[in-house]
């Protein structure tokens, strides 16, 4: 994109505008995903979320883990990554079966405080990313934010040229 602009100052402004727009979209997505998790229902971890609904907030660890990586904003085609590093995030989103790797049983303390031993645990999907990304209001907010950030930076171009 910016490789074809001869004026180096204009090129820098355009790259900065694209980076700001990208970061703005990433911030809107981050807020939306956290909002999906917040609005998921009861804050009691002992109450399971309805099948197909976003996971309920227990400790808030998943919500806090939704972060933005900005390493790609310095590139000529800037990008940002919104995601989580929690190992259980994927199984919450898509569901799945957990089986023991080494022993014959999975062992954990159940809701009644007793030791529970099972051969497998099936987790129903509780999509929070897909629910957020399917929401046209979220996409519209991301687009408006990108346009606003880009326009702000491009307005500086008049002062540069």
N, C-alpha and C. Protein backbone atom coordinates (compact mmCIF):
# COMPACT_ATOMS: atom_id res chain seq x y z
N UNK A 1 0.83 -1.18 0.00
CA UNK A 1 0.00 0.00 0.00
C UNK A 1 0.87 1.24 0.00
N UNK A 2 1.62 1.48 1.06
CA UNK A 2 2.41 2.70 1.18
C UNK A 2 3.69 2.65 0.35
N UNK A 3 4.02 1.49 -0.23
CA UNK A 3 5.24 1.36 -1.02
C UNK A 3 5.22 2.24 -2.26
N UNK A 4 4.03 2.62 -2.73
CA UNK A 4 3.89 3.35 -3.98
C UNK A 4 3.82 4.86 -3.80
N UNK A 5 4.00 5.35 -2.59
CA UNK A 5 3.94 6.78 -2.33
C UNK A 5 5.36 7.33 -2.33
N UNK A 6 5.60 8.33 -3.20
CA UNK A 6 6.94 8.87 -3.38
C UNK A 6 7.36 9.77 -2.22
N UNK A 7 6.47 10.57 -1.70
CA UNK A 7 6.78 11.51 -0.63
C UNK A 7 6.97 10.72 0.67
N UNK A 8 8.21 10.71 1.22
CA UNK A 8 8.47 9.90 2.42
C UNK A 8 7.66 10.35 3.64
N UNK A 9 7.41 11.64 3.77
CA UNK A 9 6.61 12.12 4.90
C UNK A 9 5.16 11.65 4.77
N UNK A 10 4.64 11.75 3.56
CA UNK A 10 3.26 11.30 3.32
C UNK A 10 3.15 9.79 3.55
N UNK A 11 4.18 9.06 3.16
CA UNK A 11 4.20 7.61 3.33
C UNK A 11 4.15 7.26 4.82
N UNK A 12 4.94 7.98 5.64
CA UNK A 12 4.94 7.73 7.09
C UNK A 12 3.57 8.05 7.70
N UNK A 13 2.96 9.14 7.24
CA UNK A 13 1.64 9.51 7.77
C UNK A 13 0.62 8.44 7.41
N UNK A 14 0.66 7.96 6.18
CA UNK A 14 -0.27 6.93 5.73
C UNK A 14 -0.07 5.63 6.52
N UNK A 15 1.18 5.25 6.74
CA UNK A 15 1.46 4.03 7.52
C UNK A 15 0.98 4.20 8.96
N UNK A 16 1.21 5.37 9.53
CA UNK A 16 0.76 5.63 10.90
C UNK A 16 -0.77 5.61 10.97
N UNK A 17 -1.42 6.17 9.95
CA UNK A 17 -2.89 6.17 9.91
C UNK A 17 -3.43 4.75 9.83
N UNK A 18 -2.82 3.93 9.01
CA UNK A 18 -3.25 2.53 8.88
C UNK A 18 -3.03 1.79 10.20
N UNK A 19 -1.91 2.05 10.87
CA UNK A 19 -1.63 1.40 12.15
C UNK A 19 -2.64 1.83 13.21
N UNK A 20 -2.95 3.12 13.26
CA UNK A 20 -3.93 3.62 14.24
C UNK A 20 -5.31 3.03 13.98
N UNK A 21 -5.69 2.93 12.70
CA UNK A 21 -6.98 2.34 12.35
C UNK A 21 -7.03 0.88 12.76
N UNK A 22 -5.95 0.16 12.51
CA UNK A 22 -5.86 -1.26 12.87
C UNK A 22 -5.96 -1.44 14.38
N UNK A 23 -5.22 -0.62 15.12
CA UNK A 23 -5.27 -0.70 16.58
C UNK A 23 -6.66 -0.37 17.10
N UNK A 24 -7.30 0.62 16.51
CA UNK A 24 -8.66 0.98 16.93
C UNK A 24 -9.63 -0.16 16.73
N UNK A 25 -9.53 -0.85 15.59
CA UNK A 25 -10.41 -2.00 15.35
C UNK A 25 -10.13 -3.11 16.36
N UNK A 26 -8.86 -3.35 16.65
CA UNK A 26 -8.50 -4.39 17.61
C UNK A 26 -9.04 -4.05 19.00
N UNK A 27 -8.97 -2.78 19.38
CA UNK A 27 -9.48 -2.38 20.69
C UNK A 27 -11.00 -2.56 20.77
N UNK A 28 -11.70 -2.24 19.70
CA UNK A 28 -13.15 -2.45 19.67
C UNK A 28 -13.49 -3.93 19.78
N UNK A 29 -12.74 -4.78 19.09
CA UNK A 29 -12.99 -6.22 19.16
C UNK A 29 -12.71 -6.74 20.57
N UNK A 30 -11.62 -6.30 21.16
CA UNK A 30 -11.28 -6.71 22.52
C UNK A 30 -12.42 -6.35 23.49
N UNK A 31 -12.91 -5.12 23.41
CA UNK A 31 -14.00 -4.69 24.28
C UNK A 31 -15.26 -5.52 24.04
N UNK A 32 -15.54 -5.81 22.78
CA UNK A 32 -16.74 -6.57 22.45
C UNK A 32 -16.67 -8.00 22.99
N UNK A 33 -15.52 -8.65 22.85
CA UNK A 33 -15.38 -10.03 23.35
C UNK A 33 -15.51 -10.02 24.87
N UNK A 34 -14.86 -9.07 25.53
CA UNK A 34 -14.98 -8.98 26.99
C UNK A 34 -16.43 -8.71 27.39
N UNK A 35 -17.13 -7.90 26.60
CA UNK A 35 -18.54 -7.62 26.87
C UNK A 35 -19.40 -8.86 26.71
N UNK A 36 -19.09 -9.68 25.72
CA UNK A 36 -19.83 -10.93 25.53
C UNK A 36 -19.65 -11.83 26.75
N UNK A 37 -18.44 -11.88 27.27
CA UNK A 37 -18.19 -12.69 28.46
C UNK A 37 -18.87 -12.10 29.69
N UNK A 38 -18.88 -10.79 29.81
CA UNK A 38 -19.51 -10.14 30.96
C UNK A 38 -21.00 -10.35 30.97
N UNK A 39 -21.62 -10.29 29.79
CA UNK A 39 -23.07 -10.39 29.72
C UNK A 39 -23.55 -11.84 29.66
N UNK A 40 -22.64 -12.77 29.85
CA UNK A 40 -22.99 -14.19 29.71
C UNK A 40 -23.90 -14.71 30.81
N UNK A 41 -23.99 -14.03 31.93
CA UNK A 41 -24.92 -14.50 32.96
C UNK A 41 -24.32 -14.48 34.34
N UNK A 42 -24.71 -15.43 35.14
CA UNK A 42 -24.34 -15.50 36.54
C UNK A 42 -22.84 -15.48 36.73
N UNK A 43 -22.40 -14.86 37.82
CA UNK A 43 -20.98 -14.85 38.12
C UNK A 43 -20.61 -16.04 39.00
N UNK A 44 -21.54 -16.94 39.24
CA UNK A 44 -21.27 -18.11 40.05
C UNK A 44 -20.67 -19.22 39.18
N UNK A 45 -19.42 -19.62 39.45
CA UNK A 45 -18.81 -20.67 38.64
C UNK A 45 -19.49 -22.03 38.81
N UNK A 46 -20.31 -22.18 39.85
CA UNK A 46 -20.95 -23.47 40.08
C UNK A 46 -22.21 -23.65 39.23
N UNK A 47 -22.65 -22.59 38.56
CA UNK A 47 -23.83 -22.67 37.70
C UNK A 47 -23.35 -22.74 36.26
N UNK A 48 -23.63 -23.86 35.60
CA UNK A 48 -23.17 -24.07 34.23
C UNK A 48 -23.92 -23.14 33.28
N UNK A 49 -23.22 -22.69 32.26
CA UNK A 49 -23.85 -21.87 31.22
C UNK A 49 -24.77 -22.75 30.38
N UNK A 50 -25.80 -22.16 29.85
CA UNK A 50 -26.72 -22.86 28.96
C UNK A 50 -25.96 -23.33 27.73
N UNK A 51 -26.31 -24.52 27.24
CA UNK A 51 -25.63 -25.06 26.06
C UNK A 51 -25.71 -24.06 24.91
N UNK A 52 -24.55 -23.74 24.32
CA UNK A 52 -24.49 -22.82 23.19
C UNK A 52 -24.35 -21.36 23.59
N UNK A 53 -24.54 -21.05 24.87
CA UNK A 53 -24.40 -19.68 25.35
C UNK A 53 -22.94 -19.43 25.71
N UNK A 54 -22.51 -18.17 25.72
CA UNK A 54 -21.13 -17.88 26.14
C UNK A 54 -20.89 -18.40 27.56
N UNK A 55 -19.63 -18.70 27.88
CA UNK A 55 -19.34 -19.21 29.23
C UNK A 55 -19.67 -18.17 30.29
N UNK A 56 -20.10 -18.63 31.44
CA UNK A 56 -20.37 -17.71 32.55
C UNK A 56 -19.06 -17.24 33.15
N UNK A 57 -19.08 -16.05 33.69
CA UNK A 57 -17.88 -15.49 34.31
C UNK A 57 -17.80 -16.03 35.73
N UNK A 58 -16.68 -16.69 36.03
CA UNK A 58 -16.43 -17.19 37.39
C UNK A 58 -15.41 -16.30 38.07
N UNK A 59 -14.17 -16.52 37.74
CA UNK A 59 -13.09 -15.74 38.33
C UNK A 59 -12.76 -14.50 37.51
N UNK A 60 -13.16 -14.47 36.25
CA UNK A 60 -12.83 -13.35 35.37
C UNK A 60 -11.50 -13.53 34.65
N UNK A 61 -10.85 -14.67 34.86
CA UNK A 61 -9.53 -14.90 34.23
C UNK A 61 -9.61 -14.88 32.71
N UNK A 62 -10.61 -15.53 32.15
CA UNK A 62 -10.74 -15.56 30.69
C UNK A 62 -10.96 -14.14 30.15
N UNK A 63 -11.85 -13.41 30.77
CA UNK A 63 -12.14 -12.04 30.33
C UNK A 63 -10.88 -11.17 30.40
N UNK A 64 -10.14 -11.28 31.50
CA UNK A 64 -8.90 -10.49 31.65
C UNK A 64 -7.83 -10.91 30.67
N UNK A 65 -7.88 -12.15 30.21
CA UNK A 65 -6.82 -12.66 29.33
C UNK A 65 -6.97 -12.20 27.88
N UNK A 66 -8.09 -11.59 27.51
CA UNK A 66 -8.30 -11.14 26.13
C UNK A 66 -7.42 -9.90 25.92
N UNK A 67 -6.34 -10.08 25.19
CA UNK A 67 -5.34 -9.03 25.02
C UNK A 67 -5.09 -8.75 23.54
N UNK A 68 -4.39 -7.64 23.29
CA UNK A 68 -4.02 -7.25 21.92
C UNK A 68 -2.51 -7.33 21.79
N UNK A 69 -2.04 -8.00 20.75
CA UNK A 69 -0.62 -7.99 20.41
C UNK A 69 -0.43 -6.97 19.30
N UNK A 70 0.42 -5.99 19.54
CA UNK A 70 0.62 -4.89 18.59
C UNK A 70 1.94 -5.01 17.84
N UNK A 71 2.57 -6.16 17.90
CA UNK A 71 3.87 -6.33 17.24
C UNK A 71 3.81 -6.04 15.75
N UNK A 72 2.67 -6.31 15.11
CA UNK A 72 2.54 -6.13 13.67
C UNK A 72 2.20 -4.72 13.23
N UNK A 73 2.04 -3.79 14.16
CA UNK A 73 1.64 -2.43 13.77
C UNK A 73 2.76 -1.66 13.10
N UNK A 74 4.00 -2.09 13.25
CA UNK A 74 5.13 -1.39 12.64
C UNK A 74 5.37 -1.83 11.19
N UNK A 75 4.64 -2.83 10.74
CA UNK A 75 4.82 -3.35 9.39
C UNK A 75 4.25 -2.38 8.35
N UNK A 76 4.64 -2.55 7.09
CA UNK A 76 4.09 -1.70 6.03
C UNK A 76 2.61 -2.01 5.82
N UNK A 77 2.19 -3.23 6.11
CA UNK A 77 0.77 -3.59 6.12
C UNK A 77 0.44 -3.99 7.55
N UNK A 78 0.06 -3.02 8.38
CA UNK A 78 -0.07 -3.28 9.82
C UNK A 78 -1.18 -4.28 10.15
N UNK A 79 -0.94 -5.02 11.23
CA UNK A 79 -1.94 -5.95 11.74
C UNK A 79 -1.80 -6.03 13.25
N UNK A 80 -2.87 -6.40 13.91
CA UNK A 80 -2.88 -6.63 15.35
C UNK A 80 -3.58 -7.97 15.58
N UNK A 81 -3.23 -8.62 16.67
CA UNK A 81 -3.83 -9.91 17.02
C UNK A 81 -4.56 -9.75 18.35
N UNK A 82 -5.82 -10.14 18.36
CA UNK A 82 -6.61 -10.14 19.59
C UNK A 82 -6.80 -11.59 19.98
N UNK A 83 -6.47 -11.93 21.21
CA UNK A 83 -6.60 -13.32 21.61
C UNK A 83 -6.33 -13.53 23.09
N UNK A 84 -6.23 -14.80 23.44
CA UNK A 84 -5.97 -15.20 24.82
C UNK A 84 -4.89 -16.29 24.82
N UNK A 85 -4.19 -16.39 25.92
CA UNK A 85 -3.18 -17.44 26.05
C UNK A 85 -3.63 -18.54 27.01
N UNK A 86 -4.88 -18.51 27.44
CA UNK A 86 -5.36 -19.52 28.37
C UNK A 86 -5.64 -20.83 27.63
N UNK A 87 -5.15 -21.92 28.20
CA UNK A 87 -5.27 -23.21 27.54
C UNK A 87 -6.71 -23.69 27.42
N UNK A 88 -7.57 -23.26 28.34
CA UNK A 88 -8.95 -23.76 28.30
C UNK A 88 -9.87 -22.91 27.43
N UNK A 89 -9.37 -21.83 26.86
CA UNK A 89 -10.21 -20.95 26.04
C UNK A 89 -10.77 -21.67 24.82
N UNK A 90 -9.93 -22.47 24.18
CA UNK A 90 -10.36 -23.17 22.95
C UNK A 90 -11.48 -24.18 23.23
N UNK A 91 -11.34 -24.94 24.30
CA UNK A 91 -12.37 -25.95 24.58
C UNK A 91 -13.68 -25.29 25.01
N UNK A 92 -13.60 -24.12 25.64
CA UNK A 92 -14.83 -23.39 25.97
C UNK A 92 -15.52 -22.92 24.69
N UNK A 93 -14.75 -22.43 23.73
CA UNK A 93 -15.30 -21.93 22.48
C UNK A 93 -15.91 -23.05 21.63
N UNK A 94 -15.18 -24.13 21.46
CA UNK A 94 -15.59 -25.18 20.52
C UNK A 94 -16.13 -26.44 21.17
N UNK A 95 -15.94 -26.59 22.48
CA UNK A 95 -16.35 -27.82 23.15
C UNK A 95 -15.36 -28.93 22.86
N UNK A 96 -15.59 -30.09 23.45
CA UNK A 96 -14.70 -31.22 23.22
C UNK A 96 -14.75 -32.21 24.37
N UNK A 97 -13.90 -33.20 24.27
CA UNK A 97 -13.83 -34.25 25.27
C UNK A 97 -12.44 -34.23 25.89
N UNK A 98 -12.39 -34.25 27.20
CA UNK A 98 -11.11 -34.30 27.92
C UNK A 98 -10.95 -35.71 28.46
N UNK A 99 -9.83 -36.34 28.13
CA UNK A 99 -9.53 -37.69 28.61
C UNK A 99 -8.17 -37.66 29.31
N UNK A 100 -7.93 -38.57 30.24
CA UNK A 100 -6.63 -38.59 30.91
C UNK A 100 -5.52 -38.99 29.95
N UNK A 101 -4.35 -38.36 30.10
CA UNK A 101 -3.21 -38.68 29.23
C UNK A 101 -2.38 -39.83 29.80
N UNK A 102 -2.22 -39.87 31.12
CA UNK A 102 -1.33 -40.85 31.73
C UNK A 102 -2.11 -41.88 32.58
N UNK A 103 -2.98 -41.41 33.42
CA UNK A 103 -3.73 -42.28 34.33
C UNK A 103 -5.01 -42.79 33.67
N UNK A 104 -5.73 -43.65 34.38
CA UNK A 104 -6.98 -44.19 33.85
C UNK A 104 -8.16 -43.25 34.08
N UNK A 105 -8.05 -42.36 35.08
CA UNK A 105 -9.16 -41.50 35.43
C UNK A 105 -8.72 -40.04 35.55
N UNK A 106 -9.67 -39.14 35.32
CA UNK A 106 -9.51 -37.73 35.67
C UNK A 106 -10.05 -37.58 37.08
N UNK A 107 -9.37 -36.85 37.91
CA UNK A 107 -9.84 -36.66 39.29
C UNK A 107 -9.94 -35.16 39.57
N UNK A 108 -11.05 -34.77 40.19
CA UNK A 108 -11.24 -33.37 40.57
C UNK A 108 -12.25 -33.31 41.71
N UNK A 109 -12.31 -32.17 42.34
CA UNK A 109 -13.27 -31.96 43.42
C UNK A 109 -14.56 -31.45 42.79
N UNK A 110 -15.65 -32.15 43.03
CA UNK A 110 -16.94 -31.78 42.46
C UNK A 110 -17.60 -30.63 43.20
N UNK A 111 -18.77 -30.23 42.74
CA UNK A 111 -19.49 -29.10 43.32
C UNK A 111 -19.87 -29.34 44.78
N UNK A 112 -20.10 -30.59 45.13
CA UNK A 112 -20.48 -30.92 46.51
C UNK A 112 -19.26 -31.04 47.42
N UNK A 113 -18.06 -30.84 46.86
CA UNK A 113 -16.85 -30.92 47.66
C UNK A 113 -16.26 -32.31 47.78
N UNK A 114 -16.78 -33.26 47.01
CA UNK A 114 -16.30 -34.64 47.05
C UNK A 114 -15.36 -34.90 45.88
N UNK A 115 -14.48 -35.86 46.06
CA UNK A 115 -13.60 -36.28 44.99
C UNK A 115 -14.40 -36.99 43.91
N UNK A 116 -14.22 -36.58 42.66
CA UNK A 116 -14.91 -37.20 41.53
C UNK A 116 -13.85 -37.80 40.63
N UNK A 117 -14.06 -39.04 40.19
CA UNK A 117 -13.14 -39.69 39.27
C UNK A 117 -13.94 -40.19 38.06
N UNK A 118 -13.53 -39.76 36.86
CA UNK A 118 -14.25 -40.12 35.64
C UNK A 118 -13.24 -40.47 34.55
N UNK A 119 -13.69 -41.23 33.55
CA UNK A 119 -12.82 -41.60 32.44
C UNK A 119 -12.73 -40.51 31.39
N UNK A 120 -13.76 -39.66 31.32
CA UNK A 120 -13.72 -38.55 30.38
C UNK A 120 -14.72 -37.48 30.82
N UNK A 121 -14.50 -36.27 30.33
CA UNK A 121 -15.43 -35.16 30.58
C UNK A 121 -15.75 -34.54 29.23
N UNK A 122 -17.04 -34.39 28.95
CA UNK A 122 -17.47 -33.76 27.71
C UNK A 122 -17.89 -32.33 28.01
N UNK A 123 -17.28 -31.40 27.31
CA UNK A 123 -17.57 -29.97 27.47
C UNK A 123 -18.39 -29.51 26.27
N UNK A 124 -19.55 -28.95 26.51
CA UNK A 124 -20.36 -28.38 25.43
C UNK A 124 -19.72 -27.08 24.95
N UNK A 125 -19.89 -26.75 23.67
CA UNK A 125 -19.34 -25.47 23.19
C UNK A 125 -20.06 -24.28 23.80
N UNK A 126 -19.29 -23.27 24.18
CA UNK A 126 -19.82 -22.01 24.70
C UNK A 126 -19.15 -20.88 23.93
N UNK A 127 -19.59 -20.67 22.69
CA UNK A 127 -18.89 -19.71 21.83
C UNK A 127 -19.02 -18.27 22.33
N UNK A 128 -17.90 -17.62 22.46
CA UNK A 128 -17.88 -16.20 22.81
C UNK A 128 -17.20 -15.41 21.69
N UNK A 129 -16.17 -15.97 21.05
CA UNK A 129 -15.54 -15.31 19.90
C UNK A 129 -16.50 -15.28 18.72
N UNK A 130 -17.04 -16.46 18.39
CA UNK A 130 -17.93 -16.54 17.21
C UNK A 130 -19.18 -15.70 17.42
N UNK A 131 -19.71 -15.70 18.62
CA UNK A 131 -20.90 -14.88 18.91
C UNK A 131 -20.57 -13.40 18.70
N UNK A 132 -19.42 -12.98 19.16
CA UNK A 132 -19.01 -11.59 19.01
C UNK A 132 -18.81 -11.22 17.55
N UNK A 133 -18.12 -12.09 16.81
CA UNK A 133 -17.80 -11.79 15.41
C UNK A 133 -19.02 -11.85 14.50
N UNK A 134 -20.08 -12.55 14.92
CA UNK A 134 -21.31 -12.61 14.12
C UNK A 134 -22.21 -11.40 14.36
N UNK A 135 -21.89 -10.61 15.38
CA UNK A 135 -22.73 -9.46 15.74
C UNK A 135 -22.42 -8.29 14.81
N UNK A 136 -23.37 -7.94 13.95
CA UNK A 136 -23.14 -6.87 12.98
C UNK A 136 -22.89 -5.52 13.65
N UNK A 137 -23.40 -5.34 14.86
CA UNK A 137 -23.13 -4.07 15.58
C UNK A 137 -21.66 -3.97 15.95
N UNK A 138 -21.05 -5.09 16.31
CA UNK A 138 -19.63 -5.09 16.64
C UNK A 138 -18.80 -4.75 15.40
N UNK A 139 -19.13 -5.37 14.27
CA UNK A 139 -18.42 -5.10 13.02
C UNK A 139 -18.57 -3.64 12.64
N UNK A 140 -19.77 -3.09 12.79
CA UNK A 140 -20.00 -1.67 12.47
C UNK A 140 -19.18 -0.76 13.37
N UNK A 141 -19.12 -1.08 14.67
CA UNK A 141 -18.30 -0.27 15.59
C UNK A 141 -16.83 -0.33 15.21
N UNK A 142 -16.37 -1.52 14.82
CA UNK A 142 -14.97 -1.66 14.40
C UNK A 142 -14.69 -0.81 13.16
N UNK A 143 -15.61 -0.83 12.20
CA UNK A 143 -15.42 -0.06 10.97
C UNK A 143 -15.43 1.44 11.26
N UNK A 144 -16.39 1.88 12.08
CA UNK A 144 -16.46 3.32 12.42
C UNK A 144 -15.20 3.77 13.14
N UNK A 145 -14.72 2.95 14.06
CA UNK A 145 -13.51 3.31 14.82
C UNK A 145 -12.31 3.39 13.89
N UNK A 146 -12.19 2.43 12.97
CA UNK A 146 -11.07 2.45 12.02
C UNK A 146 -11.14 3.70 11.15
N UNK A 147 -12.32 4.02 10.65
CA UNK A 147 -12.48 5.22 9.81
C UNK A 147 -12.13 6.48 10.58
N UNK A 148 -12.57 6.57 11.83
CA UNK A 148 -12.29 7.74 12.67
C UNK A 148 -10.79 7.89 12.91
N UNK A 149 -10.13 6.80 13.30
CA UNK A 149 -8.69 6.85 13.58
C UNK A 149 -7.90 7.19 12.32
N UNK A 150 -8.29 6.60 11.19
CA UNK A 150 -7.60 6.84 9.93
C UNK A 150 -7.76 8.31 9.53
N UNK A 151 -8.98 8.83 9.63
CA UNK A 151 -9.24 10.21 9.25
C UNK A 151 -8.47 11.19 10.13
N UNK A 152 -8.38 10.89 11.43
CA UNK A 152 -7.62 11.75 12.35
C UNK A 152 -6.16 11.87 11.92
N UNK A 153 -5.57 10.73 11.60
CA UNK A 153 -4.16 10.73 11.19
C UNK A 153 -3.98 11.37 9.81
N UNK A 154 -4.91 11.12 8.91
CA UNK A 154 -4.79 11.69 7.57
C UNK A 154 -4.97 13.20 7.60
N UNK A 155 -5.72 13.73 8.57
CA UNK A 155 -5.87 15.18 8.69
C UNK A 155 -4.52 15.84 8.96
N UNK A 156 -3.62 15.09 9.57
CA UNK A 156 -2.26 15.61 9.82
C UNK A 156 -1.45 15.72 8.55
N UNK A 157 -1.87 15.01 7.51
CA UNK A 157 -1.13 15.01 6.26
C UNK A 157 -1.08 16.41 5.65
N UNK A 158 -2.17 17.16 5.80
CA UNK A 158 -2.21 18.53 5.30
C UNK A 158 -1.13 19.39 5.94
N UNK A 159 -0.84 19.09 7.19
CA UNK A 159 0.20 19.85 7.89
C UNK A 159 1.60 19.38 7.52
N UNK A 160 1.70 18.17 6.99
CA UNK A 160 3.00 17.60 6.63
C UNK A 160 3.43 18.05 5.24
N UNK A 161 2.50 18.05 4.29
CA UNK A 161 2.82 18.32 2.89
C UNK A 161 3.27 19.73 2.64
